[in-house]
Amino acid sequence: PAREADFDQWRALYRGYADFYRVEQTE
């Protein structure tokens, strides 16, 4: 399961996911 301390790495992955689908995602 994702942990609170994972935010920065999770965010980088989630940004990659949004970019793959060409979805603009705000912080």
mmCIF file of all heavy atoms, coordinates in Angstrom:
data_MODEL
# 
_entry.id   MODEL 
# 
loop_
_atom_site.group_PDB 
_atom_site.id 
_atom_site.type_symbol 
_atom_site.label_atom_id 
_atom_site.label_alt_id 
_atom_site.label_comp_id 
_atom_site.label_asym_id 
_atom_site.label_entity_id 
_atom_site.label_seq_id 
_atom_site.pdbx_PDB_ins_code 
_atom_site.Cartn_x 
_atom_site.Cartn_y 
_atom_site.Cartn_z 
_atom_site.occupancy 
_atom_site.B_iso_or_equiv 
_atom_site.pdbx_formal_charge 
_atom_site.auth_seq_id 
_atom_site.auth_comp_id 
_atom_site.auth_asym_id 
_atom_site.auth_atom_id 
_atom_site.pdbx_PDB_model_num 
ATOM 1   N N   . PRO A 1 1  ? 0.837  -1.207 0.000   1.00 0.00 ? 1  PRO A N   1 
ATOM 2   C CA  . PRO A 1 1  ? 0.000  0.000  0.000   1.00 0.00 ? 1  PRO A CA  1 
ATOM 3   C C   . PRO A 1 1  ? 0.870  1.255  0.000   1.00 0.00 ? 1  PRO A C   1 
ATOM 4   O O   . PRO A 1 1  ? 1.976  1.258  0.560   1.00 0.00 ? 1  PRO A O   1 
ATOM 5   C CB  . PRO A 1 1  ? -0.789 -0.108 1.311   1.00 0.00 ? 1  PRO A CB  1 
ATOM 6   C CG  . PRO A 1 1  ? -0.757 -1.564 1.664   1.00 0.00 ? 1  PRO A CG  1 
ATOM 7   C CD  . PRO A 1 1  ? 0.575  -2.066 1.163   1.00 0.00 ? 1  PRO A CD  1 
ATOM 8   N N   . ALA A 1 2  ? 0.364  2.302  -0.625  1.00 0.00 ? 2  ALA A N   1 
ATOM 9   C CA  . ALA A 1 2  ? 1.074  3.583  -0.629  1.00 0.00 ? 2  ALA A CA  1 
ATOM 10  C C   . ALA A 1 2  ? 1.135  4.135  0.791   1.00 0.00 ? 2  ALA A C   1 
ATOM 11  O O   . ALA A 1 2  ? 0.190  3.981  1.577   1.00 0.00 ? 2  ALA A O   1 
ATOM 12  C CB  . ALA A 1 2  ? 0.361  4.571  -1.541  1.00 0.00 ? 2  ALA A CB  1 
ATOM 13  N N   . ARG A 1 3  ? 2.258  4.757  1.118   1.00 0.00 ? 3  ARG A N   1 
ATOM 14  C CA  . ARG A 1 3  ? 2.467  5.383  2.433   1.00 0.00 ? 3  ARG A CA  1 
ATOM 15  C C   . ARG A 1 3  ? 2.565  6.896  2.257   1.00 0.00 ? 3  ARG A C   1 
ATOM 16  O O   . ARG A 1 3  ? 2.969  7.379  1.199   1.00 0.00 ? 3  ARG A O   1 
ATOM 17  C CB  . ARG A 1 3  ? 3.769  4.893  3.053   1.00 0.00 ? 3  ARG A CB  1 
ATOM 18  C CG  . ARG A 1 3  ? 3.845  3.409  3.267   1.00 0.00 ? 3  ARG A CG  1 
ATOM 19  C CD  . ARG A 1 3  ? 5.225  3.034  3.832   1.00 0.00 ? 3  ARG A CD  1 
ATOM 20  N NE  . ARG A 1 3  ? 5.387  1.596  3.836   1.00 0.00 ? 3  ARG A NE  1 
ATOM 21  C CZ  . ARG A 1 3  ? 6.494  0.970  3.472   1.00 0.00 ? 3  ARG A CZ  1 
ATOM 22  N NH1 . ARG A 1 3  ? 7.561  1.645  3.095   1.00 0.00 ? 3  ARG A NH1 1 
ATOM 23  N NH2 . ARG A 1 3  ? 6.561  -0.342 3.506   1.00 0.00 ? 3  ARG A NH2 1 
ATOM 24  N N   . GLU A 1 4  ? 2.286  7.624  3.324   1.00 0.00 ? 4  GLU A N   1 
ATOM 25  C CA  . GLU A 1 4  ? 2.380  9.092  3.280   1.00 0.00 ? 4  GLU A CA  1 
ATOM 26  C C   . GLU A 1 4  ? 3.737  9.548  2.748   1.00 0.00 ? 4  GLU A C   1 
ATOM 27  O O   . GLU A 1 4  ? 3.831  10.500 1.982   1.00 0.00 ? 4  GLU A O   1 
ATOM 28  C CB  . GLU A 1 4  ? 2.142  9.692  4.668   1.00 0.00 ? 4  GLU A CB  1 
ATOM 29  C CG  . GLU A 1 4  ? 0.702  9.630  5.130   1.00 0.00 ? 4  GLU A CG  1 
ATOM 30  C CD  . GLU A 1 4  ? -0.192 10.707 4.540   1.00 0.00 ? 4  GLU A CD  1 
ATOM 31  O OE1 . GLU A 1 4  ? 0.300  11.603 3.819   1.00 0.00 ? 4  GLU A OE1 1 
ATOM 32  O OE2 . GLU A 1 4  ? -1.400 10.645 4.800   1.00 0.00 ? 4  GLU A OE2 1 
ATOM 33  N N   . ALA A 1 5  ? 4.817  8.882  3.169   1.00 0.00 ? 5  ALA A N   1 
ATOM 34  C CA  . ALA A 1 5  ? 6.173  9.283  2.770   1.00 0.00 ? 5  ALA A CA  1 
ATOM 35  C C   . ALA A 1 5  ? 6.447  9.052  1.284   1.00 0.00 ? 5  ALA A C   1 
ATOM 36  O O   . ALA A 1 5  ? 7.470  9.503  0.770   1.00 0.00 ? 5  ALA A O   1 
ATOM 37  C CB  . ALA A 1 5  ? 7.202  8.531  3.610   1.00 0.00 ? 5  ALA A CB  1 
ATOM 38  N N   . ASP A 1 6  ? 5.548  8.379  0.577   1.00 0.00 ? 6  ASP A N   1 
ATOM 39  C CA  . ASP A 1 6  ? 5.737  8.072  -0.842  1.00 0.00 ? 6  ASP A CA  1 
ATOM 40  C C   . ASP A 1 6  ? 5.337  9.211  -1.764  1.00 0.00 ? 6  ASP A C   1 
ATOM 41  O O   . ASP A 1 6  ? 5.473  9.088  -2.981  1.00 0.00 ? 6  ASP A O   1 
ATOM 42  C CB  . ASP A 1 6  ? 4.896  6.840  -1.247  1.00 0.00 ? 6  ASP A CB  1 
ATOM 43  C CG  . ASP A 1 6  ? 5.356  5.557  -0.616  1.00 0.00 ? 6  ASP A CG  1 
ATOM 44  O OD1 . ASP A 1 6  ? 6.558  5.437  -0.310  1.00 0.00 ? 6  ASP A OD1 1 
ATOM 45  O OD2 . ASP A 1 6  ? 4.494  4.671  -0.423  1.00 0.00 ? 6  ASP A OD2 1 
ATOM 46  N N   . PHE A 1 7  ? 4.834  10.307 -1.214  1.00 0.00 ? 7  PHE A N   1 
ATOM 47  C CA  . PHE A 1 7  ? 4.200  11.320 -2.071  1.00 0.00 ? 7  PHE A CA  1 
ATOM 48  C C   . PHE A 1 7  ? 5.064  11.737 -3.250  1.00 0.00 ? 7  PHE A C   1 
ATOM 49  O O   . PHE A 1 7  ? 4.594  11.739 -4.395  1.00 0.00 ? 7  PHE A O   1 
ATOM 50  C CB  . PHE A 1 7  ? 3.774  12.568 -1.286  1.00 0.00 ? 7  PHE A CB  1 
ATOM 51  C CG  . PHE A 1 7  ? 3.183  13.618 -2.198  1.00 0.00 ? 7  PHE A CG  1 
ATOM 52  C CD1 . PHE A 1 7  ? 1.894  13.483 -2.681  1.00 0.00 ? 7  PHE A CD1 1 
ATOM 53  C CD2 . PHE A 1 7  ? 3.945  14.699 -2.625  1.00 0.00 ? 7  PHE A CD2 1 
ATOM 54  C CE1 . PHE A 1 7  ? 1.355  14.409 -3.559  1.00 0.00 ? 7  PHE A CE1 1 
ATOM 55  C CE2 . PHE A 1 7  ? 3.414  15.638 -3.499  1.00 0.00 ? 7  PHE A CE2 1 
ATOM 56  C CZ  . PHE A 1 7  ? 2.114  15.491 -3.966  1.00 0.00 ? 7  PHE A CZ  1 
ATOM 57  N N   . ASP A 1 8  ? 6.303  12.137 -3.043  1.00 0.00 ? 8  ASP A N   1 
ATOM 58  C CA  . ASP A 1 8  ? 7.112  12.670 -4.140  1.00 0.00 ? 8  ASP A CA  1 
ATOM 59  C C   . ASP A 1 8  ? 7.305  11.640 -5.257  1.00 0.00 ? 8  ASP A C   1 
ATOM 60  O O   . ASP A 1 8  ? 7.169  11.974 -6.443  1.00 0.00 ? 8  ASP A O   1 
ATOM 61  C CB  . ASP A 1 8  ? 8.464  13.166 -3.634  1.00 0.00 ? 8  ASP A CB  1 
ATOM 62  C CG  . ASP A 1 8  ? 8.341  14.418 -2.785  1.00 0.00 ? 8  ASP A CG  1 
ATOM 63  O OD1 . ASP A 1 8  ? 7.334  15.156 -2.903  1.00 0.00 ? 8  ASP A OD1 1 
ATOM 64  O OD2 . ASP A 1 8  ? 9.264  14.670 -1.984  1.00 0.00 ? 8  ASP A OD2 1 
ATOM 65  N N   . GLN A 1 9  ? 7.592  10.406 -4.889  1.00 0.00 ? 9  GLN A N   1 
ATOM 66  C CA  . GLN A 1 9  ? 7.772  9.377  -5.915  1.00 0.00 ? 9  GLN A CA  1 
ATOM 67  C C   . GLN A 1 9  ? 6.443  9.011  -6.580  1.00 0.00 ? 9  GLN A C   1 
ATOM 68  O O   . GLN A 1 9  ? 6.381  8.797  -7.793  1.00 0.00 ? 9  GLN A O   1 
ATOM 69  C CB  . GLN A 1 9  ? 8.412  8.130  -5.308  1.00 0.00 ? 9  GLN A CB  1 
ATOM 70  C CG  . GLN A 1 9  ? 9.853  8.327  -4.890  1.00 0.00 ? 9  GLN A CG  1 
ATOM 71  C CD  . GLN A 1 9  ? 10.463 7.005  -4.487  1.00 0.00 ? 9  GLN A CD  1 
ATOM 72  O OE1 . GLN A 1 9  ? 10.716 6.159  -5.352  1.00 0.00 ? 9  GLN A OE1 1 
ATOM 73  N NE2 . GLN A 1 9  ? 10.666 6.812  -3.186  1.00 0.00 ? 9  GLN A NE2 1 
ATOM 74  N N   . TRP A 1 10 ? 5.381  8.936  -5.774  1.00 0.00 ? 10 TRP A N   1 
ATOM 75  C CA  . TRP A 1 10 ? 4.047  8.672  -6.328  1.00 0.00 ? 10 TRP A CA  1 
ATOM 76  C C   . TRP A 1 10 ? 3.669  9.773  -7.308  1.00 0.00 ? 10 TRP A C   1 
ATOM 77  O O   . TRP A 1 10 ? 3.162  9.506  -8.391  1.00 0.00 ? 10 TRP A O   1 
ATOM 78  C CB  . TRP A 1 10 ? 3.022  8.576  -5.194  1.00 0.00 ? 10 TRP A CB  1 
ATOM 79  C CG  . TRP A 1 10 ? 1.604  8.569  -5.663  1.00 0.00 ? 10 TRP A CG  1 
ATOM 80  C CD1 . TRP A 1 10 ? 0.862  7.478  -6.017  1.00 0.00 ? 10 TRP A CD1 1 
ATOM 81  C CD2 . TRP A 1 10 ? 0.745  9.710  -5.845  1.00 0.00 ? 10 TRP A CD2 1 
ATOM 82  N NE1 . TRP A 1 10 ? -0.405 7.871  -6.401  1.00 0.00 ? 10 TRP A NE1 1 
ATOM 83  C CE2 . TRP A 1 10 ? -0.489 9.232  -6.303  1.00 0.00 ? 10 TRP A CE2 1 
ATOM 84  C CE3 . TRP A 1 10 ? 0.906  11.076 -5.659  1.00 0.00 ? 10 TRP A CE3 1 
ATOM 85  C CZ2 . TRP A 1 10 ? -1.554 10.083 -6.588  1.00 0.00 ? 10 TRP A CZ2 1 
ATOM 86  C CZ3 . TRP A 1 10 ? -0.150 11.928 -5.938  1.00 0.00 ? 10 TRP A CZ3 1 
ATOM 87  C CH2 . TRP A 1 10 ? -1.371 11.429 -6.400  1.00 0.00 ? 10 TRP A CH2 1 
ATOM 88  N N   . ARG A 1 11 ? 3.953  11.016 -6.930  1.00 0.00 ? 11 ARG A N   1 
ATOM 89  C CA  . ARG A 1 11 ? 3.594  12.159 -7.777  1.00 0.00 ? 11 ARG A CA  1 
ATOM 90  C C   . ARG A 1 11 ? 4.314  12.078 -9.120  1.00 0.00 ? 11 ARG A C   1 
ATOM 91  O O   . ARG A 1 11 ? 3.728  12.357 -10.165 1.00 0.00 ? 11 ARG A O   1 
ATOM 92  C CB  . ARG A 1 11 ? 3.910  13.479 -7.060  1.00 0.00 ? 11 ARG A CB  1 
ATOM 93  C CG  . ARG A 1 11 ? 3.566  14.713 -7.887  1.00 0.00 ? 11 ARG A CG  1 
ATOM 94  C CD  . ARG A 1 11 ? 2.057  14.764 -8.157  1.00 0.00 ? 11 ARG A CD  1 
ATOM 95  N NE  . ARG A 1 11 ? 1.704  15.849 -9.031  1.00 0.00 ? 11 ARG A NE  1 
ATOM 96  C CZ  . ARG A 1 11 ? 1.194  15.702 -10.263 1.00 0.00 ? 11 ARG A CZ  1 
ATOM 97  N NH1 . ARG A 1 11 ? 0.976  14.496 -10.764 1.00 0.00 ? 11 ARG A NH1 1 
ATOM 98  N NH2 . ARG A 1 11 ? 0.881  16.749 -10.983 1.00 0.00 ? 11 ARG A NH2 1 
ATOM 99  N N   . ALA A 1 12 ? 5.584  11.695 -9.107  1.00 0.00 ? 12 ALA A N   1 
ATOM 100 C CA  . ALA A 1 12 ? 6.321  11.561 -10.363 1.00 0.00 ? 12 ALA A CA  1 
ATOM 101 C C   . ALA A 1 12 ? 5.685  10.484 -11.247 1.00 0.00 ? 12 ALA A C   1 
ATOM 102 O O   . ALA A 1 12 ? 5.524  10.677 -12.464 1.00 0.00 ? 12 ALA A O   1 
ATOM 103 C CB  . ALA A 1 12 ? 7.783  11.244 -10.085 1.00 0.00 ? 12 ALA A CB  1 
ATOM 104 N N   . LEU A 1 13 ? 5.299  9.364  -10.653 1.00 0.00 ? 13 LEU A N   1 
ATOM 105 C CA  . LEU A 1 13 ? 4.625  8.314  -11.422 1.00 0.00 ? 13 LEU A CA  1 
ATOM 106 C C   . LEU A 1 13 ? 3.268  8.790  -11.932 1.00 0.00 ? 13 LEU A C   1 
ATOM 107 O O   . LEU A 1 13 ? 2.911  8.548  -13.096 1.00 0.00 ? 13 LEU A O   1 
ATOM 108 C CB  . LEU A 1 13 ? 4.441  7.060  -10.565 1.00 0.00 ? 13 LEU A CB  1 
ATOM 109 C CG  . LEU A 1 13 ? 5.691  6.249  -10.269 1.00 0.00 ? 13 LEU A CG  1 
ATOM 110 C CD1 . LEU A 1 13 ? 5.405  5.217  -9.180  1.00 0.00 ? 13 LEU A CD1 1 
ATOM 111 C CD2 . LEU A 1 13 ? 6.227  5.586  -11.530 1.00 0.00 ? 13 LEU A CD2 1 
ATOM 112 N N   . TYR A 1 14 ? 2.511  9.456  -11.072 1.00 0.00 ? 14 TYR A N   1 
ATOM 113 C CA  . TYR A 1 14 ? 1.168  9.901  -11.468 1.00 0.00 ? 14 TYR A CA  1 
ATOM 114 C C   . TYR A 1 14 ? 1.252  10.961 -12.559 1.00 0.00 ? 14 TYR A C   1 
ATOM 115 O O   . TYR A 1 14 ? 0.408  11.009 -13.454 1.00 0.00 ? 14 TYR A O   1 
ATOM 116 C CB  . TYR A 1 14 ? 0.404  10.393 -10.241 1.00 0.00 ? 14 TYR A CB  1 
ATOM 117 C CG  . TYR A 1 14 ? -1.093 10.340 -10.385 1.00 0.00 ? 14 TYR A CG  1 
ATOM 118 C CD1 . TYR A 1 14 ? -1.738 9.282  -11.020 1.00 0.00 ? 14 TYR A CD1 1 
ATOM 119 C CD2 . TYR A 1 14 ? -1.888 11.355 -9.871  1.00 0.00 ? 14 TYR A CD2 1 
ATOM 120 C CE1 . TYR A 1 14 ? -3.106 9.233  -11.146 1.00 0.00 ? 14 TYR A CE1 1 
ATOM 121 C CE2 . TYR A 1 14 ? -3.263 11.317 -9.993  1.00 0.00 ? 14 TYR A CE2 1 
ATOM 122 C CZ  . TYR A 1 14 ? -3.867 10.250 -10.640 1.00 0.00 ? 14 TYR A CZ  1 
ATOM 123 O OH  . TYR A 1 14 ? -5.234 10.223 -10.767 1.00 0.00 ? 14 TYR A OH  1 
ATOM 124 N N   . ARG A 1 15 ? 2.287  11.785 -12.517 1.00 0.00 ? 15 ARG A N   1 
ATOM 125 C CA  . ARG A 1 15 ? 2.516  12.764 -13.583 1.00 0.00 ? 15 ARG A CA  1 
ATOM 126 C C   . ARG A 1 15 ? 2.801  12.020 -14.891 1.00 0.00 ? 15 ARG A C   1 
ATOM 127 O O   . ARG A 1 15 ? 2.293  12.389 -15.946 1.00 0.00 ? 15 ARG A O   1 
ATOM 128 C CB  . ARG A 1 15 ? 3.676  13.691 -13.219 1.00 0.00 ? 15 ARG A CB  1 
ATOM 129 C CG  . ARG A 1 15 ? 3.892  14.824 -14.213 1.00 0.00 ? 15 ARG A CG  1 
ATOM 130 C CD  . ARG A 1 15 ? 5.000  15.774 -13.757 1.00 0.00 ? 15 ARG A CD  1 
ATOM 131 N NE  . ARG A 1 15 ? 4.623  16.465 -12.539 1.00 0.00 ? 15 ARG A NE  1 
ATOM 132 C CZ  . ARG A 1 15 ? 5.201  16.273 -11.333 1.00 0.00 ? 15 ARG A CZ  1 
ATOM 133 N NH1 . ARG A 1 15 ? 6.193  15.410 -11.195 1.00 0.00 ? 15 ARG A NH1 1 
ATOM 134 N NH2 . ARG A 1 15 ? 4.799  16.951 -10.286 1.00 0.00 ? 15 ARG A NH2 1 
ATOM 135 N N   . GLY A 1 16 ? 3.610  10.968 -14.822 1.00 0.00 ? 16 GLY A N   1 
ATOM 136 C CA  . GLY A 1 16 ? 3.890  10.173 -16.010 1.00 0.00 ? 16 GLY A CA  1 
ATOM 137 C C   . GLY A 1 16 ? 2.629  9.540  -16.581 1.00 0.00 ? 16 GLY A C   1 
ATOM 138 O O   . GLY A 1 16 ? 2.443  9.491  -17.802 1.00 0.00 ? 16 GLY A O   1 
ATOM 139 N N   . TYR A 1 17 ? 1.758  9.079  -15.702 1.00 0.00 ? 17 TYR A N   1 
ATOM 140 C CA  . TYR A 1 17 ? 0.483  8.488  -16.132 1.00 0.00 ? 17 TYR A CA  1 
ATOM 141 C C   . TYR A 1 17 ? -0.383 9.533  -16.830 1.00 0.00 ? 17 TYR A C   1 
ATOM 142 O O   . TYR A 1 17 ? -0.917 9.289  -17.922 1.00 0.00 ? 17 TYR A O   1 
ATOM 143 C CB  . TYR A 1 17 ? -0.229 7.912  -14.905 1.00 0.00 ? 17 TYR A CB  1 
ATOM 144 C CG  . TYR A 1 17 ? -1.569 7.290  -15.188 1.00 0.00 ? 17 TYR A CG  1 
ATOM 145 C CD1 . TYR A 1 17 ? -1.669 6.066  -15.832 1.00 0.00 ? 17 TYR A CD1 1 
ATOM 146 C CD2 . TYR A 1 17 ? -2.743 7.926  -14.798 1.00 0.00 ? 17 TYR A CD2 1 
ATOM 147 C CE1 . TYR A 1 17 ? -2.902 5.485  -16.076 1.00 0.00 ? 17 TYR A CE1 1 
ATOM 148 C CE2 . TYR A 1 17 ? -3.979 7.354  -15.034 1.00 0.00 ? 17 TYR A CE2 1 
ATOM 149 C CZ  . TYR A 1 17 ? -4.055 6.135  -15.682 1.00 0.00 ? 17 TYR A CZ  1 
ATOM 150 O OH  . TYR A 1 17 ? -5.278 5.574  -15.928 1.00 0.00 ? 17 TYR A OH  1 
ATOM 151 N N   . ALA A 1 18 ? -0.517 10.712 -16.221 1.00 0.00 ? 18 ALA A N   1 
ATOM 152 C CA  . ALA A 1 18 ? -1.313 11.789 -16.821 1.00 0.00 ? 18 ALA A CA  1 
ATOM 153 C C   . ALA A 1 18 ? -0.715 12.206 -18.161 1.00 0.00 ? 18 ALA A C   1 
ATOM 154 O O   . ALA A 1 18 ? -1.451 12.418 -19.139 1.00 0.00 ? 18 ALA A O   1 
ATOM 155 C CB  . ALA A 1 18 ? -1.398 12.978 -15.863 1.00 0.00 ? 18 ALA A CB  1 
ATOM 156 N N   . ASP A 1 19 ? 0.600  12.315 -18.226 1.00 0.00 ? 19 ASP A N   1 
ATOM 157 C CA  . ASP A 1 19 ? 1.256  12.693 -19.486 1.00 0.00 ? 19 ASP A CA  1 
ATOM 158 C C   . ASP A 1 19 ? 1.009  11.650 -20.565 1.00 0.00 ? 19 ASP A C   1 
ATOM 159 O O   . ASP A 1 19 ? 0.772  11.989 -21.727 1.00 0.00 ? 19 ASP A O   1 
ATOM 160 C CB  . ASP A 1 19 ? 2.763  12.871 -19.275 1.00 0.00 ? 19 ASP A CB  1 
ATOM 161 C CG  . ASP A 1 19 ? 3.113  14.099 -18.455 1.00 0.00 ? 19 ASP A CG  1 
ATOM 162 O OD1 . ASP A 1 19 ? 2.225  14.952 -18.198 1.00 0.00 ? 19 ASP A OD1 1 
ATOM 163 O OD2 . ASP A 1 19 ? 4.294  14.203 -18.043 1.00 0.00 ? 19 ASP A OD2 1 
ATOM 164 N N   . PHE A 1 20 ? 1.060  10.369 -20.193 1.00 0.00 ? 20 PHE A N   1 
ATOM 165 C CA  . PHE A 1 20 ? 0.822  9.299  -21.164 1.00 0.00 ? 20 PHE A CA  1 
ATOM 166 C C   . PHE A 1 20 ? -0.534 9.460  -21.825 1.00 0.00 ? 20 PHE A C   1 
ATOM 167 O O   . PHE A 1 20 ? -0.681 9.279  -23.031 1.00 0.00 ? 20 PHE A O   1 
ATOM 168 C CB  . PHE A 1 20 ? 0.922  7.930  -20.482 1.00 0.00 ? 20 PHE A CB  1 
ATOM 169 C CG  . PHE A 1 20 ? 0.642  6.785  -21.408 1.00 0.00 ? 20 PHE A CG  1 
ATOM 170 C CD1 . PHE A 1 20 ? 1.638  6.295  -22.239 1.00 0.00 ? 20 PHE A CD1 1 
ATOM 171 C CD2 . PHE A 1 20 ? -0.617 6.202  -21.463 1.00 0.00 ? 20 PHE A CD2 1 
ATOM 172 C CE1 . PHE A 1 20 ? 1.387  5.237  -23.107 1.00 0.00 ? 20 PHE A CE1 1 
ATOM 173 C CE2 . PHE A 1 20 ? -0.882 5.152  -22.332 1.00 0.00 ? 20 PHE A CE2 1 
ATOM 174 C CZ  . PHE A 1 20 ? 0.123  4.672  -23.158 1.00 0.00 ? 20 PHE A CZ  1 
ATOM 175 N N   . TYR A 1 21 ? -1.541 9.805  -21.027 1.00 0.00 ? 21 TYR A N   1 
ATOM 176 C CA  . TYR A 1 21 ? -2.897 9.974  -21.560 1.00 0.00 ? 21 TYR A CA  1 
ATOM 177 C C   . TYR A 1 21 ? -3.196 11.411 -21.976 1.00 0.00 ? 21 TYR A C   1 
ATOM 178 O O   . TYR A 1 21 ? -4.338 11.737 -22.289 1.00 0.00 ? 21 TYR A O   1 
ATOM 179 C CB  . TYR A 1 21 ? -3.936 9.466  -20.545 1.00 0.00 ? 21 TYR A CB  1 
ATOM 180 C CG  . TYR A 1 21 ? -4.059 7.959  -20.599 1.00 0.00 ? 21 TYR A CG  1 
ATOM 181 C CD1 . TYR A 1 21 ? -3.651 7.174  -19.536 1.00 0.00 ? 21 TYR A CD1 1 
ATOM 182 C CD2 . TYR A 1 21 ? -4.572 7.325  -21.722 1.00 0.00 ? 21 TYR A CD2 1 
ATOM 183 C CE1 . TYR A 1 21 ? -3.756 5.785  -19.583 1.00 0.00 ? 21 TYR A CE1 1 
ATOM 184 C CE2 . TYR A 1 21 ? -4.682 5.942  -21.778 1.00 0.00 ? 21 TYR A CE2 1 
ATOM 185 C CZ  . TYR A 1 21 ? -4.272 5.187  -20.711 1.00 0.00 ? 21 TYR A CZ  1 
ATOM 186 O OH  . TYR A 1 21 ? -4.379 3.817  -20.770 1.00 0.00 ? 21 TYR A OH  1 
ATOM 187 N N   . ARG A 1 22 ? -2.170 12.268 -21.959 1.00 0.00 ? 22 ARG A N   1 
ATOM 188 C CA  . ARG A 1 22 ? -2.302 13.667 -22.375 1.00 0.00 ? 22 ARG A CA  1 
ATOM 189 C C   . ARG A 1 22 ? -3.403 14.387 -21.591 1.00 0.00 ? 22 ARG A C   1 
ATOM 190 O O   . ARG A 1 22 ? -4.228 15.095 -22.152 1.00 0.00 ? 22 ARG A O   1 
ATOM 191 C CB  . ARG A 1 22 ? -2.542 13.772 -23.874 1.00 0.00 ? 22 ARG A CB  1 
ATOM 192 C CG  . ARG A 1 22 ? -1.394 13.263 -24.703 1.00 0.00 ? 22 ARG A CG  1 
ATOM 193 C CD  . ARG A 1 22 ? -1.690 13.369 -26.194 1.00 0.00 ? 22 ARG A CD  1 
ATOM 194 N NE  . ARG A 1 22 ? -0.616 12.831 -26.989 1.00 0.00 ? 22 ARG A NE  1 
ATOM 195 C CZ  . ARG A 1 22 ? -0.534 11.559 -27.401 1.00 0.00 ? 22 ARG A CZ  1 
ATOM 196 N NH1 . ARG A 1 22 ? -1.468 10.700 -27.074 1.00 0.00 ? 22 ARG A NH1 1 
ATOM 197 N NH2 . ARG A 1 22 ? 0.480  11.160 -28.133 1.00 0.00 ? 22 ARG A NH2 1 
ATOM 198 N N   . VAL A 1 23 ? -3.384 14.148 -20.282 1.00 0.00 ? 23 VAL A N   1 
ATOM 199 C CA  . VAL A 1 23 ? -4.334 14.798 -19.385 1.00 0.00 ? 23 VAL A CA  1 
ATOM 200 C C   . VAL A 1 23 ? -3.575 15.827 -18.561 1.00 0.00 ? 23 VAL A C   1 
ATOM 201 O O   . VAL A 1 23 ? -2.583 15.487 -17.920 1.00 0.00 ? 23 VAL A O   1 
ATOM 202 C CB  . VAL A 1 23 ? -5.000 13.761 -18.445 1.00 0.00 ? 23 VAL A CB  1 
ATOM 203 C CG1 . VAL A 1 23 ? -5.850 14.443 -17.380 1.00 0.00 ? 23 VAL A CG1 1 
ATOM 204 C CG2 . VAL A 1 23 ? -5.820 12.770 -19.254 1.00 0.00 ? 23 VAL A CG2 1 
ATOM 205 N N   . GLU A 1 24 ? -4.038 17.061 -18.625 1.00 0.00 ? 24 GLU A N   1 
ATOM 206 C CA  . GLU A 1 24 ? -3.405 18.085 -17.806 1.00 0.00 ? 24 GLU A CA  1 
ATOM 207 C C   . GLU A 1 24 ? -3.877 17.899 -16.372 1.00 0.00 ? 24 GLU A C   1 
ATOM 208 O O   . GLU A 1 24 ? -5.081 17.851 -16.107 1.00 0.00 ? 24 GLU A O   1 
ATOM 209 C CB  . GLU A 1 24 ? -3.778 19.478 -18.308 1.00 0.00 ? 24 GLU A CB  1 
ATOM 210 C CG  . GLU A 1 24 ? -2.985 20.562 -17.614 1.00 0.00 ? 24 GLU A CG  1 
ATOM 211 C CD  . GLU A 1 24 ? -3.151 21.916 -18.263 1.00 0.00 ? 24 GLU A CD  1 
ATOM 212 O OE1 . GLU A 1 24 ? -3.360 21.970 -19.491 1.00 0.00 ? 24 GLU A OE1 1 
ATOM 213 O OE2 . GLU A 1 24 ? -3.077 22.909 -17.529 1.00 0.00 ? 24 GLU A OE2 1 
ATOM 214 N N   . GLN A 1 25 ? -2.948 17.777 -15.473 1.00 0.00 ? 25 GLN A N   1 
ATOM 215 C CA  . GLN A 1 25 ? -3.284 17.536 -14.075 1.00 0.00 ? 25 GLN A CA  1 
ATOM 216 C C   . GLN A 1 25 ? -2.573 18.573 -13.205 1.00 0.00 ? 25 GLN A C   1 
ATOM 217 O O   . GLN A 1 25 ? -1.351 18.651 -13.221 1.00 0.00 ? 25 GLN A O   1 
ATOM 218 C CB  . GLN A 1 25 ? -2.862 16.126 -13.669 1.00 0.00 ? 25 GLN A CB  1 
ATOM 219 C CG  . GLN A 1 25 ? -3.290 15.756 -12.276 1.00 0.00 ? 25 GLN A CG  1 
ATOM 220 C CD  . GLN A 1 25 ? -2.802 14.369 -11.927 1.00 0.00 ? 25 GLN A CD  1 
ATOM 221 O OE1 . GLN A 1 25 ? -1.620 14.141 -11.818 1.00 0.00 ? 25 GLN A OE1 1 
ATOM 222 N NE2 . GLN A 1 25 ? -3.737 13.459 -11.782 1.00 0.00 ? 25 GLN A NE2 1 
ATOM 223 N N   . THR A 1 26 ? -3.336 19.333 -12.477 1.00 0.00 ? 26 THR A N   1 
ATOM 224 C CA  . THR A 1 26 ? -2.747 20.348 -11.607 1.00 0.00 ? 26 THR A CA  1 
ATOM 225 C C   . THR A 1 26 ? -2.184 19.702 -10.349 1.00 0.00 ? 26 THR A C   1 
ATOM 226 O O   . THR A 1 26 ? -2.561 18.586 -9.982  1.00 0.00 ? 26 THR A O   1 
ATOM 227 C CB  . THR A 1 26 ? -3.800 21.392 -11.198 1.00 0.00 ? 26 THR A CB  1 
ATOM 228 O OG1 . THR A 1 26 ? -4.788 20.735 -10.384 1.00 0.00 ? 26 THR A OG1 1 
ATOM 229 C CG2 . THR A 1 26 ? -4.456 22.042 -12.408 1.00 0.00 ? 26 THR A CG2 1 
ATOM 230 N N   . GLU A 1 27 ? -1.291 20.420 -9.709  1.00 0.00 ? 27 GLU A N   1 
ATOM 231 C CA  . GLU A 1 27 ? -0.761 19.946 -8.431  1.00 0.00 ? 27 GLU A CA  1 
ATOM 232 C C   . GLU A 1 27 ? -1.892 19.831 -7.411  1.00 0.00 ? 27 GLU A C   1 
ATOM 233 O O   . GLU A 1 27 ? -1.914 18.903 -6.602  1.00 0.00 ? 27 GLU A O   1 
ATOM 234 C CB  . GLU A 1 27 ? 0.346  20.867 -7.918  1.00 0.00 ? 27 GLU A CB  1 
ATOM 235 C CG  . GLU A 1 27 ? 1.625  20.778 -8.733  1.00 0.00 ? 27 GLU A CG  1 
ATOM 236 C CD  . GLU A 1 27 ? 2.179  19.362 -8.812  1.00 0.00 ? 27 GLU A CD  1 
ATOM 237 O OE1 . GLU A 1 27 ? 2.321  18.695 -7.769  1.00 0.00 ? 27 GLU A OE1 1 
ATOM 238 O OE2 . GLU A 1 27 ? 2.470  18.916 -9.942  1.00 0.00 ? 27 GLU A OE2 1 
# 
